[in-house]
C-alpha cells in the first residue's frame, strides 16, 4: 500500500552473475547463449510468486506463467518487441524464441501481436558492461518487471554478466529479488 501510488514505484539493482557454466553448456549443446540464459532467467522468474504479480485496475493479480517480452534486433539494427511463450523445456522455449525472431525479421512491426501483462520486459545489451541501469517509465501505472542483460566479461578466470532488474516495490521487495538471484544463479550453474 505504501508504494502503490508513487509516481515511479520501481527500484532497481544491478547484479553480477557467474555465467561460465551456462556459456560452456550452450556451446556444448550448440544452442545460443542468449537462449540459454534467457530460459534460465525465466525459470527463476516463474519460481518466485512476487515476480508473477501484476496490478490490473487497482487489483493485484497472480499469473500462473510469466513469458518473456524481449527486444530483438533486425539486420538493419532496428529493434522490435517480442512475446516469447515460456516453457520449462529448453527445446520448446528455443522453438518459441526462434518463431518470434522470424516474425520480427519478416515485419516492420514494433509491437508483438500479444500485448499482455503476463510477461517480463527484457533487453540484452551485449555491447555494454554496465554497473547501473535505468529503464524508461511510461508514466502510467506499471507493474511488469524490467530486466537488462549486459556484456560478458572475465573476472578471476570466470565469465561474468551483469543483470539489471527493475521491479515495482508495491509488489516486490529486496527479499524477493534475493530469491530470484539465488534461483537464477542455480539455473545458470546446472
C-alpha atoms as a PDB file:
ATOM      1  CA  UNK A   1       0.000   0.000   0.000  1.00  0.00           C
ATOM      2  CA  UNK A   2       2.881   2.359   0.764  1.00  0.00           C
ATOM      3  CA  UNK A   3       4.353   2.260  -2.755  1.00  0.00           C
ATOM      4  CA  UNK A   4       1.217   1.748  -4.876  1.00  0.00           C
ATOM      5  CA  UNK A   5       0.594   5.442  -5.623  1.00  0.00           C
ATOM      6  CA  UNK A   6       4.212   6.519  -6.107  1.00  0.00           C
ATOM      7  CA  UNK A   7       4.845   8.259  -9.424  1.00  0.00           C
ATOM      8  CA  UNK A   8       7.718   5.806 -10.018  1.00  0.00           C
ATOM      9  CA  UNK A   9       7.378   2.863  -7.604  1.00  0.00           C
ATOM     10  CA  UNK A  10      10.200   0.892  -9.249  1.00  0.00           C
ATOM     11  CA  UNK A  11      13.508   0.116  -7.589  1.00  0.00           C
ATOM     12  CA  UNK A  12      16.474  -1.301  -9.438  1.00  0.00           C
ATOM     13  CA  UNK A  13      19.636  -3.222  -8.693  1.00  0.00           C
ATOM     14  CA  UNK A  14      22.431  -4.475 -10.922  1.00  0.00           C
ATOM     15  CA  UNK A  15      23.855  -7.866 -10.015  1.00  0.00           C
ATOM     16  CA  UNK A  16      26.846  -9.760 -11.440  1.00  0.00           C
ATOM     17  CA  UNK A  17      26.166 -13.396 -12.332  1.00  0.00           C
ATOM     18  CA  UNK A  18      28.685 -16.128 -12.999  1.00  0.00           C
ATOM     19  CA  UNK A  19      27.720 -17.460 -16.447  1.00  0.00           C
ATOM     20  CA  UNK A  20      30.755 -19.700 -17.008  1.00  0.00           C
ATOM     21  CA  UNK A  21      28.863 -22.996 -16.842  1.00  0.00           C
ATOM     22  CA  UNK A  22      25.859 -21.695 -18.778  1.00  0.00           C
ATOM     23  CA  UNK A  23      28.095 -20.412 -21.565  1.00  0.00           C
ATOM     24  CA  UNK A  24      30.002 -23.720 -21.798  1.00  0.00           C
ATOM     25  CA  UNK A  25      26.722 -25.652 -21.729  1.00  0.00           C
ATOM     26  CA  UNK A  26      25.260 -23.539 -24.553  1.00  0.00           C
ATOM     27  CA  UNK A  27      28.347 -24.132 -26.697  1.00  0.00           C
ATOM     28  CA  UNK A  28      28.405 -27.888 -25.930  1.00  0.00           C
ATOM     29  CA  UNK A  29      24.693 -28.196 -26.729  1.00  0.00           C
ATOM     30  CA  UNK A  30      25.009 -25.914 -29.795  1.00  0.00           C
ATOM     31  CA  UNK A  31      22.313 -23.500 -28.634  1.00  0.00           C
ATOM     32  CA  UNK A  32      22.619 -19.742 -28.472  1.00  0.00           C
ATOM     33  CA  UNK A  33      23.921 -18.368 -25.206  1.00  0.00           C
ATOM     34  CA  UNK A  34      21.081 -15.816 -25.228  1.00  0.00           C
ATOM     35  CA  UNK A  35      18.500 -18.625 -25.449  1.00  0.00           C
ATOM     36  CA  UNK A  36      20.169 -20.493 -22.593  1.00  0.00           C
ATOM     37  CA  UNK A  37      20.472 -17.617 -20.147  1.00  0.00           C
ATOM     38  CA  UNK A  38      17.037 -16.199 -21.019  1.00  0.00           C
ATOM     39  CA  UNK A  39      15.488 -19.611 -20.331  1.00  0.00           C
ATOM     40  CA  UNK A  40      17.402 -19.897 -17.041  1.00  0.00           C
ATOM     41  CA  UNK A  41      16.154 -16.428 -16.113  1.00  0.00           C
ATOM     42  CA  UNK A  42      12.553 -17.265 -16.997  1.00  0.00           C
ATOM     43  CA  UNK A  43      12.708 -20.437 -14.885  1.00  0.00           C
ATOM     44  CA  UNK A  44      13.822 -18.277 -11.959  1.00  0.00           C
ATOM     45  CA  UNK A  45      11.133 -15.633 -12.596  1.00  0.00           C
ATOM     46  CA  UNK A  46       8.453 -18.337 -12.688  1.00  0.00           C
ATOM     47  CA  UNK A  47       9.713 -19.797  -9.387  1.00  0.00           C
ATOM     48  CA  UNK A  48       9.094 -16.556  -7.426  1.00  0.00           C
ATOM     49  CA  UNK A  49       5.416 -15.695  -6.918  1.00  0.00           C
ATOM     50  CA  UNK A  50       6.044 -11.996  -6.246  1.00  0.00           C
ATOM     51  CA  UNK A  51       7.658 -11.663  -9.686  1.00  0.00           C
ATOM     52  CA  UNK A  52       4.437 -13.075 -11.166  1.00  0.00           C
ATOM     53  CA  UNK A  53       2.236 -10.406  -9.548  1.00  0.00           C
ATOM     54  CA  UNK A  54       0.767  -7.590 -11.637  1.00  0.00           C
ATOM     55  CA  UNK A  55      -1.531  -4.667 -10.912  1.00  0.00           C
ATOM     56  CA  UNK A  56      -4.656  -4.597 -13.062  1.00  0.00           C
ATOM     57  CA  UNK A  57      -7.347  -1.988 -12.414  1.00  0.00           C
ATOM     58  CA  UNK A  58      -6.111  -1.462  -8.823  1.00  0.00           C
ATOM     59  CA  UNK A  59      -6.207  -5.214  -8.135  1.00  0.00           C
ATOM     60  CA  UNK A  60      -3.183  -7.436  -7.572  1.00  0.00           C
ATOM     61  CA  UNK A  61      -3.241 -10.457  -9.900  1.00  0.00           C
ATOM     62  CA  UNK A  62      -1.003 -13.528  -9.676  1.00  0.00           C
ATOM     63  CA  UNK A  63      -0.259 -15.022 -13.098  1.00  0.00           C
ATOM     64  CA  UNK A  64       0.349 -18.752 -13.319  1.00  0.00           C
ATOM     65  CA  UNK A  65       3.031 -18.429 -16.014  1.00  0.00           C
ATOM     66  CA  UNK A  66       5.215 -15.483 -16.980  1.00  0.00           C
ATOM     67  CA  UNK A  67       6.526 -15.195 -20.535  1.00  0.00           C
ATOM     68  CA  UNK A  68       9.320 -13.070 -21.991  1.00  0.00           C
ATOM     69  CA  UNK A  69       8.942  -9.862 -23.949  1.00  0.00           C
ATOM     70  CA  UNK A  70      12.464  -9.273 -25.210  1.00  0.00           C
ATOM     71  CA  UNK A  71      13.737  -6.646 -27.586  1.00  0.00           C
ATOM     72  CA  UNK A  72      15.024  -8.408 -30.704  1.00  0.00           C
ATOM     73  CA  UNK A  73      17.325  -6.793 -33.239  1.00  0.00           C
ATOM     74  CA  UNK A  74      16.859  -6.840 -37.001  1.00  0.00           C
ATOM     75  CA  UNK A  75      19.630  -6.897 -39.635  1.00  0.00           C
ATOM     76  CA  UNK A  76      19.292  -3.111 -40.076  1.00  0.00           C
ATOM     77  CA  UNK A  77      19.981  -2.580 -36.324  1.00  0.00           C
ATOM     78  CA  UNK A  78      16.396  -1.607 -35.531  1.00  0.00           C
ATOM     79  CA  UNK A  79      14.572  -3.349 -32.719  1.00  0.00           C
ATOM     80  CA  UNK A  80      11.152  -4.784 -32.089  1.00  0.00           C
ATOM     81  CA  UNK A  81       9.407  -6.076 -29.012  1.00  0.00           C
ATOM     82  CA  UNK A  82       8.640  -9.778 -28.875  1.00  0.00           C
ATOM     83  CA  UNK A  83       6.401 -12.107 -26.924  1.00  0.00           C
ATOM     84  CA  UNK A  84       8.107 -15.443 -26.251  1.00  0.00           C
ATOM     85  CA  UNK A  85       5.962 -18.097 -24.629  1.00  0.00           C
ATOM     86  CA  UNK A  86       7.770 -19.669 -21.691  1.00  0.00           C
ATOM     87  CA  UNK A  87       8.110 -23.421 -21.458  1.00  0.00           C
ATOM     88  CA  UNK A  88      10.093 -25.285 -18.820  1.00  0.00           C
ATOM     89  CA  UNK A  89      11.561 -27.438 -21.589  1.00  0.00           C
ATOM     90  CA  UNK A  90      14.549 -25.627 -23.120  1.00  0.00           C
ATOM     91  CA  UNK A  91      13.984 -27.048 -26.621  1.00  0.00           C
ATOM     92  CA  UNK A  92      10.357 -25.898 -26.687  1.00  0.00           C
ATOM     93  CA  UNK A  93      11.372 -22.468 -25.376  1.00  0.00           C
ATOM     94  CA  UNK A  94      14.063 -22.158 -28.060  1.00  0.00           C
ATOM     95  CA  UNK A  95      11.499 -23.050 -30.752  1.00  0.00           C
ATOM     96  CA  UNK A  96       9.180 -20.351 -29.374  1.00  0.00           C
ATOM     97  CA  UNK A  97      12.040 -17.852 -29.369  1.00  0.00           C
ATOM     98  CA  UNK A  98      13.075 -18.740 -32.925  1.00  0.00           C
ATOM     99  CA  UNK A  99       9.481 -18.378 -34.169  1.00  0.00           C
ATOM    100  CA  UNK A 100       9.307 -14.931 -32.600  1.00  0.00           C
ATOM    101  CA  UNK A 101      12.669 -13.939 -34.109  1.00  0.00           C
ATOM    102  CA  UNK A 102      11.385 -14.949 -37.555  1.00  0.00           C
ATOM    103  CA  UNK A 103       8.205 -12.905 -37.038  1.00  0.00           C
ATOM    104  CA  UNK A 104      10.294  -9.860 -36.085  1.00  0.00           C
ATOM    105  CA  UNK A 105      12.553 -10.294 -39.126  1.00  0.00           C
ATOM    106  CA  UNK A 106       9.555 -10.575 -41.503  1.00  0.00           C
ATOM    107  CA  UNK A 107       7.789  -7.425 -40.309  1.00  0.00           C
ATOM    108  CA  UNK A 108       8.415  -3.801 -39.505  1.00  0.00           C
ATOM    109  CA  UNK A 109       6.070  -4.021 -36.540  1.00  0.00           C
ATOM    110  CA  UNK A 110       7.429  -2.647 -33.276  1.00  0.00           C
ATOM    111  CA  UNK A 111       4.873  -4.339 -31.003  1.00  0.00           C
ATOM    112  CA  UNK A 112       4.183  -8.078 -30.822  1.00  0.00           C
ATOM    113  CA  UNK A 113       0.713  -9.436 -31.655  1.00  0.00           C
ATOM    114  CA  UNK A 114       0.191 -10.334 -27.976  1.00  0.00           C
ATOM    115  CA  UNK A 115       0.010  -7.411 -25.553  1.00  0.00           C
ATOM    116  CA  UNK A 116      -0.315  -8.786 -22.046  1.00  0.00           C
ATOM    117  CA  UNK A 117       0.993  -8.231 -18.539  1.00  0.00           C
ATOM    118  CA  UNK A 118       1.908 -11.926 -18.153  1.00  0.00           C
ATOM    119  CA  UNK A 119       5.500 -11.253 -19.154  1.00  0.00           C
ATOM    120  CA  UNK A 120       8.737  -9.576 -18.196  1.00  0.00           C
ATOM    121  CA  UNK A 121      10.276  -6.863 -20.357  1.00  0.00           C
ATOM    122  CA  UNK A 122      13.917  -7.573 -21.093  1.00  0.00           C
ATOM    123  CA  UNK A 123      16.778  -6.364 -23.227  1.00  0.00           C
ATOM    124  CA  UNK A 124      20.177  -7.790 -23.998  1.00  0.00           C
ATOM    125  CA  UNK A 125      22.920  -5.207 -24.345  1.00  0.00           C
ATOM    126  CA  UNK A 126      25.971  -7.340 -25.207  1.00  0.00           C
ATOM    127  CA  UNK A 127      27.903  -4.203 -26.195  1.00  0.00           C
ATOM    128  CA  UNK A 128      27.907  -2.731 -22.675  1.00  0.00           C
ATOM    129  CA  UNK A 129      29.398  -3.874 -19.385  1.00  0.00           C
ATOM    130  CA  UNK A 130      27.208  -1.621 -17.258  1.00  0.00           C
ATOM    131  CA  UNK A 131      27.341  -1.229 -13.489  1.00  0.00           C
ATOM    132  CA  UNK A 132      23.980   0.518 -13.241  1.00  0.00           C
ATOM    133  CA  UNK A 133      20.930   0.848 -15.441  1.00  0.00           C
ATOM    134  CA  UNK A 134      17.611   2.693 -15.561  1.00  0.00           C
ATOM    135  CA  UNK A 135      14.612   1.670 -17.604  1.00  0.00           C
ATOM    136  CA  UNK A 136      12.215   4.067 -19.254  1.00  0.00           C
ATOM    137  CA  UNK A 137       8.908   4.506 -17.412  1.00  0.00           C
ATOM    138  CA  UNK A 138       5.757   5.395 -19.331  1.00  0.00           C
ATOM    139  CA  UNK A 139       4.147   7.493 -16.613  1.00  0.00           C
ATOM    140  CA  UNK A 140       1.216   5.083 -16.470  1.00  0.00           C
ATOM    141  CA  UNK A 141       0.847   2.634 -13.620  1.00  0.00           C
ATOM    142  CA  UNK A 142       3.218  -0.221 -14.439  1.00  0.00           C
ATOM    143  CA  UNK A 143       3.938  -3.489 -12.694  1.00  0.00           C
ATOM    144  CA  UNK A 144       5.879  -5.629 -15.188  1.00  0.00           C
ATOM    145  CA  UNK A 145       9.488  -6.344 -14.102  1.00  0.00           C
ATOM    146  CA  UNK A 146      12.113  -4.964 -16.468  1.00  0.00           C
ATOM    147  CA  UNK A 147      15.475  -6.685 -16.947  1.00  0.00           C
ATOM    148  CA  UNK A 148      18.610  -5.832 -18.906  1.00  0.00           C
ATOM    149  CA  UNK A 149      21.457  -8.265 -19.557  1.00  0.00           C
ATOM    150  CA  UNK A 150      24.920  -6.803 -20.087  1.00  0.00           C
ATOM    151  CA  UNK A 151      28.107  -7.774 -21.874  1.00  0.00           C
ATOM    152  CA  UNK A 152      30.037 -10.769 -20.560  1.00  0.00           C
ATOM    153  CA  UNK A 153      33.428 -10.120 -19.007  1.00  0.00           C
ATOM    154  CA  UNK A 154      36.191 -12.122 -17.316  1.00  0.00           C
ATOM    155  CA  UNK A 155      36.836 -11.849 -13.579  1.00  0.00           C
ATOM    156  CA  UNK A 156      39.246 -14.165 -11.739  1.00  0.00           C
ATOM    157  CA  UNK A 157      39.068 -16.638 -14.629  1.00  0.00           C
ATOM    158  CA  UNK A 158      35.256 -16.783 -14.568  1.00  0.00           C
ATOM    159  CA  UNK A 159      32.845 -15.475 -17.197  1.00  0.00           C
ATOM    160  CA  UNK A 160      30.518 -12.896 -15.644  1.00  0.00           C
ATOM    161  CA  UNK A 161      27.499 -10.933 -16.845  1.00  0.00           C
ATOM    162  CA  UNK A 162      25.648  -8.127 -15.103  1.00  0.00           C
ATOM    163  CA  UNK A 163      21.873  -8.130 -14.923  1.00  0.00           C
ATOM    164  CA  UNK A 164      19.834  -5.070 -14.021  1.00  0.00           C
ATOM    165  CA  UNK A 165      16.424  -5.835 -12.577  1.00  0.00           C
ATOM    166  CA  UNK A 166      13.763  -3.148 -12.100  1.00  0.00           C
ATOM    167  CA  UNK A 167      10.675  -4.123 -10.113  1.00  0.00           C
ATOM    168  CA  UNK A 168       7.594  -2.405  -8.729  1.00  0.00           C
ATOM    169  CA  UNK A 169       8.212  -2.030  -4.992  1.00  0.00           C
ATOM    170  CA  UNK A 170       4.478  -2.316  -4.278  1.00  0.00           C
ATOM    171  CA  UNK A 171       4.755  -5.986  -5.338  1.00  0.00           C
ATOM    172  CA  UNK A 172       8.395  -6.962  -4.862  1.00  0.00           C
ATOM    173  CA  UNK A 173      10.864  -6.355  -2.037  1.00  0.00           C
ATOM    174  CA  UNK A 174      14.617  -6.848  -1.919  1.00  0.00           C
ATOM    175  CA  UNK A 175      13.961 -10.220  -0.295  1.00  0.00           C
ATOM    176  CA  UNK A 176      12.164 -11.451  -3.427  1.00  0.00           C
ATOM    177  CA  UNK A 177      14.915 -10.123  -5.692  1.00  0.00           C
ATOM    178  CA  UNK A 178      17.359 -12.040  -3.481  1.00  0.00           C
ATOM    179  CA  UNK A 179      15.336 -15.239  -4.011  1.00  0.00           C
ATOM    180  CA  UNK A 180      15.420 -14.606  -7.759  1.00  0.00           C
ATOM    181  CA  UNK A 181      19.200 -14.061  -7.697  1.00  0.00           C
ATOM    182  CA  UNK A 182      19.743 -17.392  -5.914  1.00  0.00           C
ATOM    183  CA  UNK A 183      17.412 -19.243  -8.279  1.00  0.00           C
ATOM    184  CA  UNK A 184      18.854 -17.678 -11.449  1.00  0.00           C
ATOM    185  CA  UNK A 185      22.444 -18.464 -10.402  1.00  0.00           C
ATOM    186  CA  UNK A 186      21.426 -22.034  -9.562  1.00  0.00           C
ATOM    187  CA  UNK A 187      19.871 -22.405 -13.025  1.00  0.00           C
ATOM    188  CA  UNK A 188      22.945 -20.934 -14.715  1.00  0.00           C
ATOM    189  CA  UNK A 189      25.117 -23.470 -12.880  1.00  0.00           C
ATOM    190  CA  UNK A 190      23.039 -26.523 -13.898  1.00  0.00           C
END
